[in-house]
Amino acid sequence: MNKRAVGTRYEDLAAAHLISLGYRILSRNYRCRAGEIDLIASEKGYLVFIEVKYRSDESNGSASEAVDAKKQKRIIRAARWYLMERHLPDDTPVRFDVVAFDKEETRVIKDAFWT
């Protein structure tokens, strides 16, 4: 299975898991000039930008560790573009979550990073 197929599989699993937790998925694989966001959802009054990461082993670190400062900046830029593109107010409550798949464990990390 190629990397894109694996990524799609885990994004599907993440979306299903988030839905079971009460999230409403608004967009998948949002792309713009500023970057890409795996999932965009709403949950408890927040617009949530979600990065999905998978690791089959921890030889390169955990899945959540893969969302480093550089990746966070790209996600934040893409989120700002999303807000601007949709003419959403500056005071829209937003959050950045990570869904991390490490081996057999799935973790949803709310407020994983901030702007």
Protein backbone atom coordinates (compact mmCIF):
# COMPACT_ATOMS: atom_id res chain seq x y z
CA MET A 1 0.00 0.00 0.00
CA ASN A 2 1.46 3.42 -0.93
CA LYS A 3 1.81 6.34 1.50
CA ARG A 4 -1.25 8.17 0.15
CA ALA A 5 -3.44 5.07 0.52
CA VAL A 6 -2.18 4.53 4.08
CA GLY A 7 -2.83 8.20 4.86
CA THR A 8 -6.36 8.01 3.47
CA ARG A 9 -7.05 4.87 5.50
CA TYR A 10 -6.00 6.54 8.75
CA GLU A 11 -7.87 9.74 7.92
CA ASP A 12 -11.00 7.59 7.43
CA LEU A 13 -10.40 5.90 10.80
CA ALA A 14 -9.79 9.27 12.46
CA ALA A 15 -12.98 10.76 10.99
CA ALA A 16 -15.06 7.80 12.18
CA HIS A 17 -13.51 7.98 15.65
CA LEU A 18 -14.11 11.73 15.90
CA ILE A 19 -17.72 11.35 14.77
CA SER A 20 -18.23 8.77 17.53
CA LEU A 21 -16.94 11.41 19.99
CA GLY A 22 -19.44 14.02 18.77
CA TYR A 23 -17.38 15.92 16.19
CA ARG A 24 -19.07 16.94 12.93
CA ILE A 25 -16.70 16.63 9.97
CA LEU A 26 -16.94 19.69 7.70
CA SER A 27 -14.07 19.10 5.30
CA ARG A 28 -11.44 16.50 4.43
CA ASN A 29 -8.05 17.15 2.85
CA TYR A 30 -8.54 20.89 2.63
CA ARG A 31 -5.86 22.34 0.36
CA CYS A 32 -4.93 25.95 -0.34
CA ARG A 33 -1.88 28.02 -1.24
CA ALA A 34 -0.84 28.00 2.42
CA GLY A 35 -0.90 24.23 2.91
CA GLU A 36 -3.17 21.32 3.75
CA ILE A 37 -5.35 20.31 6.67
CA ASP A 38 -6.37 16.67 7.01
CA LEU A 39 -9.77 17.21 8.66
CA ILE A 40 -11.83 20.23 9.64
CA ALA A 41 -14.67 19.70 12.08
CA SER A 42 -16.93 21.43 14.54
CA GLU A 43 -17.12 20.32 18.14
CA LYS A 44 -18.73 22.02 21.13
CA GLY A 45 -18.73 25.48 19.54
CA TYR A 46 -15.20 25.23 18.12
CA LEU A 47 -14.00 25.07 14.56
CA VAL A 48 -11.37 22.34 14.85
CA PHE A 49 -8.43 21.89 12.49
CA ILE A 50 -7.16 18.33 12.79
CA GLU A 51 -3.87 16.73 11.81
CA VAL A 52 -3.86 12.93 11.51
CA LYS A 53 -0.58 11.09 12.11
CA TYR A 54 0.26 7.38 12.01
CA ARG A 55 3.33 5.47 13.13
CA SER A 56 3.68 1.69 12.83
CA ASP A 57 6.64 1.80 15.23
CA GLU A 58 8.38 4.42 17.32
CA SER A 59 11.81 4.23 15.68
CA ASN A 60 11.17 7.73 14.29
CA GLY A 61 9.30 8.94 17.38
CA SER A 62 5.62 8.85 18.20
CA ALA A 63 2.88 10.01 15.85
CA SER A 64 2.16 13.11 17.94
CA GLU A 65 5.86 14.07 17.91
CA ALA A 66 5.68 14.21 14.11
CA VAL A 67 3.61 17.39 14.39
CA ASP A 68 6.64 19.59 14.97
CA ALA A 69 6.82 23.39 15.04
CA LYS A 70 7.32 23.61 11.27
CA LYS A 71 4.23 21.44 10.60
CA GLN A 72 2.22 23.44 13.15
CA LYS A 73 3.05 26.71 11.37
CA ARG A 74 1.88 25.28 8.02
CA ILE A 75 -1.38 24.09 9.57
CA ILE A 76 -1.96 27.47 11.23
CA ARG A 77 -1.34 29.30 7.93
CA ALA A 78 -3.79 27.00 6.13
CA ALA A 79 -6.35 27.48 8.92
CA ARG A 80 -6.08 31.26 8.57
CA TRP A 81 -6.58 30.90 4.83
CA TYR A 82 -9.68 28.73 5.46
CA LEU A 83 -11.15 31.38 7.79
CA MET A 84 -10.42 34.17 5.31
CA GLU A 85 -11.75 32.22 2.32
CA ARG A 86 -15.04 31.60 4.11
CA HIS A 87 -15.29 35.15 5.51
CA LEU A 88 -15.47 33.85 9.07
CA PRO A 89 -15.06 36.42 11.84
CA ASP A 90 -11.67 36.92 13.50
CA ASP A 91 -13.16 35.89 16.83
CA THR A 92 -14.30 32.46 15.57
CA PRO A 93 -13.33 30.00 18.31
CA VAL A 94 -10.76 27.63 16.79
CA ARG A 95 -8.75 24.73 18.10
CA PHE A 96 -5.97 22.54 16.73
CA ASP A 97 -6.24 18.84 17.52
CA VAL A 98 -4.09 15.88 16.56
CA VAL A 99 -5.32 12.33 16.08
CA ALA A 100 -2.32 10.10 16.70
CA PHE A 101 -2.19 6.44 15.73
CA ASP A 102 0.74 4.67 17.41
CA LYS A 103 0.71 0.93 16.71
CA GLU A 104 -2.70 -0.12 18.09
CA GLU A 105 -3.38 3.01 20.15
CA THR A 106 -5.55 5.92 18.97
CA ARG A 107 -5.31 9.23 20.83
CA VAL A 108 -7.16 12.48 20.26
CA ILE A 109 -5.04 15.34 21.55
CA LYS A 110 -7.25 18.39 21.95
CA ASP A 111 -5.54 21.80 21.90
CA ALA A 112 -2.37 20.10 20.70
CA PHE A 113 -0.92 23.50 19.78
CA TRP A 114 -1.94 27.15 19.56
CA THR A 115 -1.54 30.11 17.24
